[in-house]
Every structure is written in C-alpha cells, then in structure tokens.
Amino acid sequence: LETNILHADMLARAVRPEVVEYRPGQNGTFTREWSLLNDSTAPE
C-alpha cells in the first residue's frame, strides 16, 4: 500500500508518480517492476 497509494497531483503533468507492479510467482513470491504512472488523458 505504501508503493501503490501515493501522495501526488495527477493534474500536474510535470509530476509522474512511480508505482510498483507486482507480478506473482510461485511459493508466495512476487517479481516487482517499477514504473511511472501514466496520465492517460494526455493526447501524446
């Protein structure tokens, strides 16, 4: 929750928060990949 619930302003296009994608594996594991949250409202 600390990586996925973030304090940021999604309307400020200069700010792109970093989130973590958790890909589940075997035996209770994850492989994490860090990404920038995309502003899908921007046309480009």
PDB file of all heavy atoms in Angstrom:
ATOM      1  N   LEU A   1       0.821  -1.216   0.000  1.00  0.00           N
ATOM      2  CA  LEU A   1       0.000   0.000   0.000  1.00  0.00           C
ATOM      3  C   LEU A   1       0.856   1.267   0.000  1.00  0.00           C
ATOM      4  O   LEU A   1       0.451   2.286  -0.554  1.00  0.00           O
ATOM      5  CB  LEU A   1      -0.968  -0.016   1.185  1.00  0.00           C
ATOM      6  CG  LEU A   1      -2.063  -1.079   1.066  1.00  0.00           C
ATOM      7  CD1 LEU A   1      -2.877  -1.154   2.346  1.00  0.00           C
ATOM      8  CD2 LEU A   1      -2.964  -0.810  -0.129  1.00  0.00           C
ATOM      9  N   GLU A   2       2.036   1.202   0.577  1.00  0.00           N
ATOM     10  CA  GLU A   2       2.919   2.369   0.553  1.00  0.00           C
ATOM     11  C   GLU A   2       3.451   2.658  -0.844  1.00  0.00           C
ATOM     12  O   GLU A   2       3.749   3.797  -1.175  1.00  0.00           O
ATOM     13  CB  GLU A   2       4.060   2.184   1.554  1.00  0.00           C
ATOM     14  CG  GLU A   2       3.583   2.328   2.986  1.00  0.00           C
ATOM     15  CD  GLU A   2       4.647   2.013   4.021  1.00  0.00           C
ATOM     16  OE1 GLU A   2       5.810   1.737   3.641  1.00  0.00           O
ATOM     17  OE2 GLU A   2       4.318   2.034   5.213  1.00  0.00           O
ATOM     18  N   THR A   3       3.555   1.623  -1.688  1.00  0.00           N
ATOM     19  CA  THR A   3       4.013   1.850  -3.063  1.00  0.00           C
ATOM     20  C   THR A   3       2.871   2.153  -4.019  1.00  0.00           C
ATOM     21  O   THR A   3       3.101   2.727  -5.079  1.00  0.00           O
ATOM     22  CB  THR A   3       4.783   0.624  -3.613  1.00  0.00           C
ATOM     23  OG1 THR A   3       3.913  -0.508  -3.674  1.00  0.00           O
ATOM     24  CG2 THR A   3       5.997   0.305  -2.772  1.00  0.00           C
ATOM     25  N   ASN A   4       1.646   1.760  -3.666  1.00  0.00           N
ATOM     26  CA  ASN A   4       0.534   1.868  -4.606  1.00  0.00           C
ATOM     27  C   ASN A   4      -0.496   2.945  -4.269  1.00  0.00           C
ATOM     28  O   ASN A   4      -1.317   3.286  -5.123  1.00  0.00           O
ATOM     29  CB  ASN A   4      -0.180   0.516  -4.726  1.00  0.00           C
ATOM     30  CG  ASN A   4       0.659  -0.500  -5.465  1.00  0.00           C
ATOM     31  OD1 ASN A   4       1.834  -0.278  -5.727  1.00  0.00           O
ATOM     32  ND2 ASN A   4       0.054  -1.612  -5.802  1.00  0.00           N
ATOM     33  N   ILE A   5      -0.492   3.467  -3.075  1.00  0.00           N
ATOM     34  CA  ILE A   5      -1.374   4.579  -2.701  1.00  0.00           C
ATOM     35  C   ILE A   5      -0.455   5.766  -2.445  1.00  0.00           C
ATOM     36  O   ILE A   5       0.265   5.808  -1.450  1.00  0.00           O
ATOM     37  CB  ILE A   5      -2.230   4.257  -1.458  1.00  0.00           C
ATOM     38  CG1 ILE A   5      -2.959   2.911  -1.623  1.00  0.00           C
ATOM     39  CG2 ILE A   5      -3.207   5.386  -1.177  1.00  0.00           C
ATOM     40  CD1 ILE A   5      -3.918   2.845  -2.808  1.00  0.00           C
ATOM     41  N   LEU A   6      -0.481   6.727  -3.374  1.00  0.00           N
ATOM     42  CA  LEU A   6       0.559   7.758  -3.412  1.00  0.00           C
ATOM     43  C   LEU A   6       0.038   9.165  -3.203  1.00  0.00           C
ATOM     44  O   LEU A   6      -1.072   9.499  -3.630  1.00  0.00           O
ATOM     45  CB  LEU A   6       1.271   7.689  -4.767  1.00  0.00           C
ATOM     46  CG  LEU A   6       1.908   6.350  -5.110  1.00  0.00           C
ATOM     47  CD1 LEU A   6       2.388   6.350  -6.545  1.00  0.00           C
ATOM     48  CD2 LEU A   6       3.045   6.045  -4.163  1.00  0.00           C
ATOM     49  N   HIS A   7       0.902   9.979  -2.624  1.00  0.00           N
ATOM     50  CA  HIS A   7       0.638  11.400  -2.458  1.00  0.00           C
ATOM     51  C   HIS A   7       1.236  12.129  -3.663  1.00  0.00           C
ATOM     52  O   HIS A   7       2.457  12.207  -3.817  1.00  0.00           O
ATOM     53  CB  HIS A   7       1.281  11.890  -1.161  1.00  0.00           C
ATOM     54  CG  HIS A   7       1.170  13.359  -0.952  1.00  0.00           C
ATOM     55  ND1 HIS A   7       2.219  14.139  -0.541  1.00  0.00           N
ATOM     56  CD2 HIS A   7       0.126  14.207  -1.115  1.00  0.00           C
ATOM     57  CE1 HIS A   7       1.834  15.395  -0.457  1.00  0.00           C
ATOM     58  NE2 HIS A   7       0.565  15.460  -0.794  1.00  0.00           N
ATOM     59  N   ALA A   8       0.371  12.595  -4.555  1.00  0.00           N
ATOM     60  CA  ALA A   8       0.819  13.298  -5.762  1.00  0.00           C
ATOM     61  C   ALA A   8      -0.370  14.028  -6.370  1.00  0.00           C
ATOM     62  O   ALA A   8      -1.516  13.822  -5.972  1.00  0.00           O
ATOM     63  CB  ALA A   8       1.408  12.317  -6.777  1.00  0.00           C
ATOM     64  N   ASP A   9      -0.087  14.887  -7.320  1.00  0.00           N
ATOM     65  CA  ASP A   9      -1.118  15.638  -8.030  1.00  0.00           C
ATOM     66  C   ASP A   9      -1.182  15.132  -9.464  1.00  0.00           C
ATOM     67  O   ASP A   9      -0.299  15.402 -10.267  1.00  0.00           O
ATOM     68  CB  ASP A   9      -0.772  17.133  -7.995  1.00  0.00           C
ATOM     69  CG  ASP A   9      -1.834  18.005  -8.646  1.00  0.00           C
ATOM     70  OD1 ASP A   9      -2.827  17.453  -9.172  1.00  0.00           O
ATOM     71  OD2 ASP A   9      -1.666  19.240  -8.628  1.00  0.00           O
ATOM     72  N   MET A  10      -2.225  14.382  -9.784  1.00  0.00           N
ATOM     73  CA  MET A  10      -2.347  13.810 -11.123  1.00  0.00           C
ATOM     74  C   MET A  10      -2.660  14.865 -12.184  1.00  0.00           C
ATOM     75  O   MET A  10      -2.529  14.610 -13.369  1.00  0.00           O
ATOM     76  CB  MET A  10      -3.431  12.730 -11.147  1.00  0.00           C
ATOM     77  CG  MET A  10      -3.028  11.456 -10.444  1.00  0.00           C
ATOM     78  SD  MET A  10      -1.621  10.620 -11.206  1.00  0.00           S
ATOM     79  CE  MET A  10      -2.368   9.981 -12.697  1.00  0.00           C
ATOM     80  N   LEU A  11      -3.074  16.064 -11.759  1.00  0.00           N
ATOM     81  CA  LEU A  11      -3.356  17.120 -12.729  1.00  0.00           C
ATOM     82  C   LEU A  11      -2.099  17.881 -13.123  1.00  0.00           C
ATOM     83  O   LEU A  11      -2.076  18.546 -14.147  1.00  0.00           O
ATOM     84  CB  LEU A  11      -4.407  18.086 -12.173  1.00  0.00           C
ATOM     85  CG  LEU A  11      -5.787  17.473 -11.927  1.00  0.00           C
ATOM     86  CD1 LEU A  11      -6.712  18.511 -11.310  1.00  0.00           C
ATOM     87  CD2 LEU A  11      -6.374  16.926 -13.212  1.00  0.00           C
ATOM     88  N   ALA A  12      -1.063  17.784 -12.316  1.00  0.00           N
ATOM     89  CA  ALA A  12       0.199  18.452 -12.637  1.00  0.00           C
ATOM     90  C   ALA A  12       1.002  17.545 -13.546  1.00  0.00           C
ATOM     91  O   ALA A  12       1.559  16.547 -13.124  1.00  0.00           O
ATOM     92  CB  ALA A  12       0.982  18.751 -11.358  1.00  0.00           C
ATOM     93  N   ARG A  13       1.051  17.858 -14.817  1.00  0.00           N
ATOM     94  CA  ARG A  13       1.679  16.975 -15.802  1.00  0.00           C
ATOM     95  C   ARG A  13       3.179  16.802 -15.588  1.00  0.00           C
ATOM     96  O   ARG A  13       3.773  15.876 -16.090  1.00  0.00           O
ATOM     97  CB  ARG A  13       1.409  17.477 -17.212  1.00  0.00           C
ATOM     98  CG  ARG A  13      -0.060  17.373 -17.531  1.00  0.00           C
ATOM     99  CD  ARG A  13      -0.329  17.764 -18.955  1.00  0.00           C
ATOM    100  NE  ARG A  13      -1.759  17.802 -19.135  1.00  0.00           N
ATOM    101  CZ  ARG A  13      -2.416  16.977 -19.909  1.00  0.00           C
ATOM    102  NH1 ARG A  13      -1.790  16.067 -20.580  1.00  0.00           N
ATOM    103  NH2 ARG A  13      -3.718  17.078 -20.025  1.00  0.00           N
ATOM    104  N   ALA A  14       3.778  17.722 -14.830  1.00  0.00           N
ATOM    105  CA  ALA A  14       5.215  17.592 -14.576  1.00  0.00           C
ATOM    106  C   ALA A  14       5.496  16.463 -13.577  1.00  0.00           C
ATOM    107  O   ALA A  14       6.611  15.989 -13.467  1.00  0.00           O
ATOM    108  CB  ALA A  14       5.776  18.903 -14.042  1.00  0.00           C
ATOM    109  N   VAL A  15       4.469  16.035 -12.841  1.00  0.00           N
ATOM    110  CA  VAL A  15       4.652  15.021 -11.811  1.00  0.00           C
ATOM    111  C   VAL A  15       4.106  13.689 -12.321  1.00  0.00           C
ATOM    112  O   VAL A  15       2.949  13.586 -12.686  1.00  0.00           O
ATOM    113  CB  VAL A  15       3.903  15.426 -10.520  1.00  0.00           C
ATOM    114  CG1 VAL A  15       4.036  14.335  -9.476  1.00  0.00           C
ATOM    115  CG2 VAL A  15       4.435  16.739 -10.003  1.00  0.00           C
ATOM    116  N   ARG A  16       4.972  12.678 -12.376  1.00  0.00           N
ATOM    117  CA  ARG A  16       4.549  11.335 -12.770  1.00  0.00           C
ATOM    118  C   ARG A  16       5.003  10.384 -11.676  1.00  0.00           C
ATOM    119  O   ARG A  16       6.164  10.006 -11.631  1.00  0.00           O
ATOM    120  CB  ARG A  16       5.132  10.967 -14.129  1.00  0.00           C
ATOM    121  CG  ARG A  16       4.596  11.911 -15.208  1.00  0.00           C
ATOM    122  CD  ARG A  16       5.092  11.573 -16.569  1.00  0.00           C
ATOM    123  NE  ARG A  16       4.660  10.242 -16.949  1.00  0.00           N
ATOM    124  CZ  ARG A  16       5.337   9.477 -17.791  1.00  0.00           C
ATOM    125  NH1 ARG A  16       6.471   9.879 -18.310  1.00  0.00           N
ATOM    126  NH2 ARG A  16       4.892   8.289 -18.107  1.00  0.00           N
ATOM    127  N   PRO A  17       4.100  10.031 -10.784  1.00  0.00           N
ATOM    128  CA  PRO A  17       4.491   9.192  -9.648  1.00  0.00           C
ATOM    129  C   PRO A  17       4.996   7.817 -10.079  1.00  0.00           C
ATOM    130  O   PRO A  17       4.551   7.261 -11.075  1.00  0.00           O
ATOM    131  CB  PRO A  17       3.194   9.044  -8.843  1.00  0.00           C
ATOM    132  CG  PRO A  17       2.215   9.973  -9.443  1.00  0.00           C
ATOM    133  CD  PRO A  17       2.691  10.369 -10.789  1.00  0.00           C
ATOM    134  N   GLU A  18       5.915   7.308  -9.283  1.00  0.00           N
ATOM    135  CA  GLU A  18       6.455   5.973  -9.532  1.00  0.00           C
ATOM    136  C   GLU A  18       5.637   4.961  -8.729  1.00  0.00           C
ATOM    137  O   GLU A  18       5.402   5.149  -7.536  1.00  0.00           O
ATOM    138  CB  GLU A  18       7.920   5.914  -9.108  1.00  0.00           C
ATOM    139  CG  GLU A  18       8.603   4.615  -9.476  1.00  0.00           C
ATOM    140  CD  GLU A  18      10.066   4.615  -9.111  1.00  0.00           C
ATOM    141  OE1 GLU A  18      10.373   4.594  -7.905  1.00  0.00           O
ATOM    142  OE2 GLU A  18      10.906   4.647 -10.024  1.00  0.00           O
ATOM    143  N   VAL A  19       5.185   3.919  -9.402  1.00  0.00           N
ATOM    144  CA  VAL A  19       4.425   2.844  -8.756  1.00  0.00           C
ATOM    145  C   VAL A  19       5.138   1.521  -9.010  1.00  0.00           C
ATOM    146  O   VAL A  19       6.054   1.441  -9.817  1.00  0.00           O
ATOM    147  CB  VAL A  19       2.970   2.765  -9.270  1.00  0.00           C
ATOM    148  CG1 VAL A  19       2.179   3.991  -8.863  1.00  0.00           C
ATOM    149  CG2 VAL A  19       2.931   2.560 -10.766  1.00  0.00           C
ATOM    150  N   VAL A  20       4.676   0.510  -8.322  1.00  0.00           N
ATOM    151  CA  VAL A  20       5.265  -0.818  -8.452  1.00  0.00           C
ATOM    152  C   VAL A  20       4.204  -1.770  -8.973  1.00  0.00           C
ATOM    153  O   VAL A  20       3.086  -1.817  -8.465  1.00  0.00           O
ATOM    154  CB  VAL A  20       5.814  -1.317  -7.099  1.00  0.00           C
ATOM    155  CG1 VAL A  20       6.374  -2.718  -7.230  1.00  0.00           C
ATOM    156  CG2 VAL A  20       6.869  -0.365  -6.565  1.00  0.00           C
ATOM    157  N   GLU A  21       4.573  -2.531  -9.995  1.00  0.00           N
ATOM    158  CA  GLU A  21       3.711  -3.596 -10.475  1.00  0.00           C
ATOM    159  C   GLU A  21       4.221  -4.895  -9.862  1.00  0.00           C
ATOM    160  O   GLU A  21       5.407  -5.211  -9.947  1.00  0.00           O
ATOM    161  CB  GLU A  21       3.751  -3.672 -11.998  1.00  0.00           C
ATOM    162  CG  GLU A  21       2.784  -4.685 -12.556  1.00  0.00           C
ATOM    163  CD  GLU A  21       2.701  -4.635 -14.069  1.00  0.00           C
ATOM    164  OE1 GLU A  21       3.430  -3.855 -14.705  1.00  0.00           O
ATOM    165  OE2 GLU A  21       1.894  -5.402 -14.613  1.00  0.00           O
ATOM    166  N   TYR A  22       3.318  -5.605  -9.216  1.00  0.00           N
ATOM    167  CA  TYR A  22       3.665  -6.848  -8.527  1.00  0.00           C
ATOM    168  C   TYR A  22       3.228  -8.020  -9.389  1.00  0.00           C
ATOM    169  O   TYR A  22       2.035  -8.257  -9.569  1.00  0.00           O
ATOM    170  CB  TYR A  22       2.962  -6.910  -7.168  1.00  0.00           C
ATOM    171  CG  TYR A  22       3.463  -5.891  -6.189  1.00  0.00           C
ATOM    172  CD1 TYR A  22       3.006  -4.573  -6.227  1.00  0.00           C
ATOM    173  CD2 TYR A  22       4.399  -6.225  -5.229  1.00  0.00           C
ATOM    174  CE1 TYR A  22       3.467  -3.630  -5.328  1.00  0.00           C
ATOM    175  CE2 TYR A  22       4.859  -5.290  -4.317  1.00  0.00           C
ATOM    176  CZ  TYR A  22       4.395  -3.996  -4.373  1.00  0.00           C
ATOM    177  OH  TYR A  22       4.856  -3.068  -3.479  1.00  0.00           O
ATOM    178  N   ARG A  23       4.201  -8.777  -9.913  1.00  0.00           N
ATOM    179  CA  ARG A  23       3.882  -9.950 -10.729  1.00  0.00           C
ATOM    180  C   ARG A  23       4.042 -11.193  -9.862  1.00  0.00           C
ATOM    181  O   ARG A  23       5.152 -11.494  -9.406  1.00  0.00           O
ATOM    182  CB  ARG A  23       4.803 -10.008 -11.933  1.00  0.00           C
ATOM    183  CG  ARG A  23       4.549  -8.808 -12.832  1.00  0.00           C
ATOM    184  CD  ARG A  23       5.200  -8.946 -14.164  1.00  0.00           C
ATOM    185  NE  ARG A  23       4.789  -7.817 -15.005  1.00  0.00           N
ATOM    186  CZ  ARG A  23       5.571  -7.193 -15.832  1.00  0.00           C
ATOM    187  NH1 ARG A  23       6.813  -7.588 -15.984  1.00  0.00           N
ATOM    188  NH2 ARG A  23       5.116  -6.194 -16.548  1.00  0.00           N
ATOM    189  N   PRO A  24       2.943 -11.918  -9.629  1.00  0.00           N
ATOM    190  CA  PRO A  24       3.013 -13.064  -8.717  1.00  0.00           C
ATOM    191  C   PRO A  24       3.816 -14.215  -9.300  1.00  0.00           C
ATOM    192  O   PRO A  24       3.819 -14.462 -10.506  1.00  0.00           O
ATOM    193  CB  PRO A  24       1.552 -13.457  -8.531  1.00  0.00           C
ATOM    194  CG  PRO A  24       0.855 -12.924  -9.726  1.00  0.00           C
ATOM    195  CD  PRO A  24       1.612 -11.703 -10.167  1.00  0.00           C
ATOM    196  N   GLY A  25       4.503 -14.897  -8.398  1.00  0.00           N
ATOM    197  CA  GLY A  25       5.263 -16.087  -8.770  1.00  0.00           C
ATOM    198  C   GLY A  25       4.841 -17.255  -7.895  1.00  0.00           C
ATOM    199  O   GLY A  25       3.797 -17.219  -7.243  1.00  0.00           O
ATOM    200  N   GLN A  26       5.665 -18.266  -7.841  1.00  0.00           N
ATOM    201  CA  GLN A  26       5.366 -19.459  -7.058  1.00  0.00           C
ATOM    202  C   GLN A  26       5.816 -19.291  -5.618  1.00  0.00           C
ATOM    203  O   GLN A  26       6.655 -18.450  -5.301  1.00  0.00           O
ATOM    204  CB  GLN A  26       6.061 -20.663  -7.685  1.00  0.00           C
ATOM    205  CG  GLN A  26       5.566 -20.974  -9.069  1.00  0.00           C
ATOM    206  CD  GLN A  26       6.301 -22.166  -9.675  1.00  0.00           C
ATOM    207  OE1 GLN A  26       7.321 -22.600  -9.166  1.00  0.00           O
ATOM    208  NE2 GLN A  26       5.768 -22.683 -10.770  1.00  0.00           N
ATOM    209  N   ASN A  27       5.237 -20.095  -4.759  1.00  0.00           N
ATOM    210  CA  ASN A  27       5.633 -20.170  -3.342  1.00  0.00           C
ATOM    211  C   ASN A  27       5.558 -18.823  -2.626  1.00  0.00           C
ATOM    212  O   ASN A  27       6.438 -18.485  -1.839  1.00  0.00           O
ATOM    213  CB  ASN A  27       7.038 -20.770  -3.218  1.00  0.00           C
ATOM    214  CG  ASN A  27       7.138 -22.135  -3.839  1.00  0.00           C
ATOM    215  OD1 ASN A  27       6.234 -22.954  -3.687  1.00  0.00           O
ATOM    216  ND2 ASN A  27       8.212 -22.387  -4.551  1.00  0.00           N
ATOM    217  N   GLY A  28       4.532 -18.047  -2.904  1.00  0.00           N
ATOM    218  CA  GLY A  28       4.319 -16.792  -2.183  1.00  0.00           C
ATOM    219  C   GLY A  28       5.176 -15.635  -2.635  1.00  0.00           C
ATOM    220  O   GLY A  28       5.325 -14.654  -1.907  1.00  0.00           O
ATOM    221  N   THR A  29       5.743 -15.699  -3.828  1.00  0.00           N
ATOM    222  CA  THR A  29       6.667 -14.652  -4.264  1.00  0.00           C
ATOM    223  C   THR A  29       6.034 -13.684  -5.268  1.00  0.00           C
ATOM    224  O   THR A  29       5.009 -13.966  -5.872  1.00  0.00           O
ATOM    225  CB  THR A  29       7.927 -15.256  -4.913  1.00  0.00           C
ATOM    226  OG1 THR A  29       7.552 -15.978  -6.085  1.00  0.00           O
ATOM    227  CG2 THR A  29       8.665 -16.166  -3.941  1.00  0.00           C
ATOM    228  N   PHE A  30       6.712 -12.563  -5.421  1.00  0.00           N
ATOM    229  CA  PHE A  30       6.414 -11.560  -6.435  1.00  0.00           C
ATOM    230  C   PHE A  30       7.713 -11.166  -7.118  1.00  0.00           C
ATOM    231  O   PHE A  30       8.784 -11.205  -6.506  1.00  0.00           O
ATOM    232  CB  PHE A  30       5.821 -10.278  -5.820  1.00  0.00           C
ATOM    233  CG  PHE A  30       4.461 -10.433  -5.245  1.00  0.00           C
ATOM    234  CD1 PHE A  30       4.288 -10.666  -3.890  1.00  0.00           C
ATOM    235  CD2 PHE A  30       3.334 -10.325  -6.053  1.00  0.00           C
ATOM    236  CE1 PHE A  30       3.025 -10.801  -3.348  1.00  0.00           C
ATOM    237  CE2 PHE A  30       2.069 -10.462  -5.525  1.00  0.00           C
ATOM    238  CZ  PHE A  30       1.913 -10.698  -4.164  1.00  0.00           C
ATOM    239  N   THR A  31       7.613 -10.738  -8.366  1.00  0.00           N
ATOM    240  CA  THR A  31       8.696 -10.018  -9.022  1.00  0.00           C
ATOM    241  C   THR A  31       8.148  -8.625  -9.270  1.00  0.00           C
ATOM    242  O   THR A  31       7.122  -8.460  -9.937  1.00  0.00           O
ATOM    243  CB  THR A  31       9.105 -10.686 -10.353  1.00  0.00           C
ATOM    244  OG1 THR A  31       9.540 -12.017 -10.072  1.00  0.00           O
ATOM    245  CG2 THR A  31      10.229  -9.915 -11.024  1.00  0.00           C
ATOM    246  N   ARG A  32       8.800  -7.633  -8.695  1.00  0.00           N
ATOM    247  CA  ARG A  32       8.320  -6.258  -8.789  1.00  0.00           C
ATOM    248  C   ARG A  32       9.007  -5.523  -9.933  1.00  0.00           C
ATOM    249  O   ARG A  32      10.184  -5.736 -10.202  1.00  0.00           O
ATOM    250  CB  ARG A  32       8.590  -5.509  -7.478  1.00  0.00           C
ATOM    251  CG  ARG A  32       7.880  -6.114  -6.290  1.00  0.00           C
ATOM    252  CD  ARG A  32       8.378  -5.538  -4.992  1.00  0.00           C
ATOM    253  NE  ARG A  32       9.796  -5.891  -4.816  1.00  0.00           N
ATOM    254  CZ  ARG A  32      10.553  -5.440  -3.821  1.00  0.00           C
ATOM    255  NH1 ARG A  32      10.068  -4.610  -2.925  1.00  0.00           N
ATOM    256  NH2 ARG A  32      11.809  -5.809  -3.731  1.00  0.00           N
ATOM    257  N   GLU A  33       8.243  -4.642 -10.567  1.00  0.00           N
ATOM    258  CA  GLU A  33       8.794  -3.787 -11.622  1.00  0.00           C
ATOM    259  C   GLU A  33       8.296  -2.368 -11.375  1.00  0.00           C
ATOM    260  O   GLU A  33       7.098  -2.140 -11.249  1.00  0.00           O
ATOM    261  CB  GLU A  33       8.339  -4.287 -12.992  1.00  0.00           C
ATOM    262  CG  GLU A  33       9.053  -3.609 -14.130  1.00  0.00           C
ATOM    263  CD  GLU A  33       8.737  -4.279 -15.457  1.00  0.00           C
ATOM    264  OE1 GLU A  33       9.113  -5.449 -15.634  1.00  0.00           O
ATOM    265  OE2 GLU A  33       8.110  -3.608 -16.293  1.00  0.00           O
ATOM    266  N   TRP A  34       9.228  -1.436 -11.303  1.00  0.00           N
ATOM    267  CA  TRP A  34       8.900  -0.044 -11.035  1.00  0.00           C
ATOM    268  C   TRP A  34       8.562   0.662 -12.345  1.00  0.00           C
ATOM    269  O   TRP A  34       9.248   0.491 -13.355  1.00  0.00           O
ATOM    270  CB  TRP A  34      10.071   0.645 -10.342  1.00  0.00           C
ATOM    271  CG  TRP A  34      10.142   0.345  -8.883  1.00  0.00           C
ATOM    272  CD1 TRP A  34       9.794   1.179  -7.867  1.00  0.00           C
ATOM    273  CD2 TRP A  34      10.582  -0.873  -8.255  1.00  0.00           C
ATOM    274  NE1 TRP A  34       9.981   0.554  -6.657  1.00  0.00           N
ATOM    275  CE2 TRP A  34      10.461  -0.702  -6.868  1.00  0.00           C
ATOM    276  CE3 TRP A  34      11.044  -2.104  -8.735  1.00  0.00           C
ATOM    277  CZ2 TRP A  34      10.794  -1.692  -5.946  1.00  0.00           C
ATOM    278  CZ3 TRP A  34      11.373  -3.105  -7.830  1.00  0.00           C
ATOM    279  CH2 TRP A  34      11.250  -2.889  -6.459  1.00  0.00           C
ATOM    280  N   SER A  35       7.495   1.468 -12.314  1.00  0.00           N
ATOM    281  CA  SER A  35       7.037   2.186 -13.499  1.00  0.00           C
ATOM    282  C   SER A  35       6.587   3.584 -13.103  1.00  0.00           C
ATOM    283  O   SER A  35       6.348   3.867 -11.933  1.00  0.00           O
ATOM    284  CB  SER A  35       5.844   1.467 -14.144  1.00  0.00           C
ATOM    285  OG  SER A  35       6.149   0.141 -14.450  1.00  0.00           O
ATOM    286  N   LEU A  36       6.454   4.433 -14.107  1.00  0.00           N
ATOM    287  CA  LEU A  36       5.891   5.762 -13.882  1.00  0.00           C
ATOM    288  C   LEU A  36       4.413   5.710 -14.218  1.00  0.00           C
ATOM    289  O   LEU A  36       4.021   5.150 -15.242  1.00  0.00           O
ATOM    290  CB  LEU A  36       6.596   6.801 -14.753  1.00  0.00           C
ATOM    291  CG  LEU A  36       8.078   6.997 -14.458  1.00  0.00           C
ATOM    292  CD1 LEU A  36       8.697   7.969 -15.461  1.00  0.00           C
ATOM    293  CD2 LEU A  36       8.295   7.496 -13.039  1.00  0.00           C
ATOM    294  N   LEU A  37       3.610   6.279 -13.351  1.00  0.00           N
ATOM    295  CA  LEU A  37       2.173   6.305 -13.584  1.00  0.00           C
ATOM    296  C   LEU A  37       1.884   7.224 -14.745  1.00  0.00           C
ATOM    297  O   LEU A  37       2.347   8.362 -14.798  1.00  0.00           O
ATOM    298  CB  LEU A  37       1.452   6.784 -12.326  1.00  0.00           C
ATOM    299  CG  LEU A  37      -0.023   6.507 -12.241  1.00  0.00           C
ATOM    300  CD1 LEU A  37      -0.320   5.027 -12.432  1.00  0.00           C
ATOM    301  CD2 LEU A  37      -0.539   6.961 -10.890  1.00  0.00           C
ATOM    302  N   ASN A  38       1.130   6.729 -15.675  1.00  0.00           N
ATOM    303  CA  ASN A  38       0.852   7.432 -16.913  1.00  0.00           C
ATOM    304  C   ASN A  38      -0.381   8.318 -16.771  1.00  0.00           C
ATOM    305  O   ASN A  38      -1.360   7.924 -16.174  1.00  0.00           O
ATOM    306  CB  ASN A  38       0.624   6.394 -18.013  1.00  0.00           C
ATOM    307  CG  ASN A  38       0.687   6.977 -19.389  1.00  0.00           C
ATOM    308  OD1 ASN A  38       0.621   8.174 -19.572  1.00  0.00           O
ATOM    309  ND2 ASN A  38       0.805   6.110 -20.353  1.00  0.00           N
ATOM    310  N   ASP A  39      -0.332   9.493 -17.350  1.00  0.00           N
ATOM    311  CA  ASP A  39      -1.509  10.350 -17.441  1.00  0.00           C
ATOM    312  C   ASP A  39      -2.197  10.040 -18.764  1.00  0.00           C
ATOM    313  O   ASP A  39      -1.858  10.582 -19.803  1.00  0.00           O
ATOM    314  CB  ASP A  39      -1.101  11.827 -17.375  1.00  0.00           C
ATOM    315  CG  ASP A  39      -2.297  12.760 -17.505  1.00  0.00           C
ATOM    316  OD1 ASP A  39      -3.439  12.252 -17.540  1.00  0.00           O
ATOM    317  OD2 ASP A  39      -2.088  13.977 -17.577  1.00  0.00           O
ATOM    318  N   SER A  40      -3.168   9.149 -18.723  1.00  0.00           N
ATOM    319  CA  SER A  40      -3.792   8.679 -19.957  1.00  0.00           C
ATOM    320  C   SER A  40      -4.682   9.736 -20.599  1.00  0.00           C
ATOM    321  O   SER A  40      -5.152   9.546 -21.705  1.00  0.00           O
ATOM    322  CB  SER A  40      -4.602   7.415 -19.685  1.00  0.00           C
ATOM    323  OG  SER A  40      -5.597   7.687 -18.734  1.00  0.00           O
ATOM    324  N   THR A  41      -4.910  10.867 -19.916  1.00  0.00           N
ATOM    325  CA  THR A  41      -5.720  11.923 -20.520  1.00  0.00           C
ATOM    326  C   THR A  41      -4.900  12.772 -21.475  1.00  0.00           C
ATOM    327  O   THR A  41      -5.457  13.504 -22.282  1.00  0.00           O
ATOM    328  CB  THR A  41      -6.329  12.841 -19.439  1.00  0.00           C
ATOM    329  OG1 THR A  41      -5.260  13.467 -18.712  1.00  0.00           O
ATOM    330  CG2 THR A  41      -7.207  12.044 -18.489  1.00  0.00           C
ATOM    331  N   ALA A  42      -3.568  12.690 -21.383  1.00  0.00           N
ATOM    332  CA  ALA A  42      -2.720  13.476 -22.277  1.00  0.00           C
ATOM    333  C   ALA A  42      -2.731  12.834 -23.664  1.00  0.00           C
ATOM    334  O   ALA A  42      -2.516  11.639 -23.797  1.00  0.00           O
ATOM    335  CB  ALA A  42      -1.294  13.537 -21.735  1.00  0.00           C
ATOM    336  N   PRO A  43      -2.986  13.608 -24.736  1.00  0.00           N
ATOM    337  CA  PRO A  43      -3.115  13.011 -26.066  1.00  0.00           C
ATOM    338  C   PRO A  43      -1.840  12.372 -26.600  1.00  0.00           C
ATOM    339  O   PRO A  43      -1.900  11.459 -27.394  1.00  0.00           O
ATOM    340  CB  PRO A  43      -3.533  14.196 -26.945  1.00  0.00           C
ATOM    341  CG  PRO A  43      -3.175  15.416 -26.181  1.00  0.00           C
ATOM    342  CD  PRO A  43      -3.188  15.041 -24.726  1.00  0.00           C
ATOM    343  N   GLU A  44      -0.670  12.814 -26.134  1.00  0.00           N
ATOM    344  CA  GLU A  44       0.573  12.270 -26.677  1.00  0.00           C
ATOM    345  C   GLU A  44       1.013  10.993 -25.969  1.00  0.00           C
ATOM    346  O   GLU A  44       2.011  10.399 -26.322  1.00  0.00           O
ATOM    347  CB  GLU A  44       1.697  13.320 -26.596  1.00  0.00           C
ATOM    348  CG  GLU A  44       2.180  13.644 -25.189  1.00  0.00           C
ATOM    349  CD  GLU A  44       1.314  14.663 -24.463  1.00  0.00           C
ATOM    350  OE1 GLU A  44       0.333  15.139 -25.032  1.00  0.00           O
ATOM    351  OE2 GLU A  44       1.627  14.980 -23.300  1.00  0.00           O
TER     352      GLU A  44
END
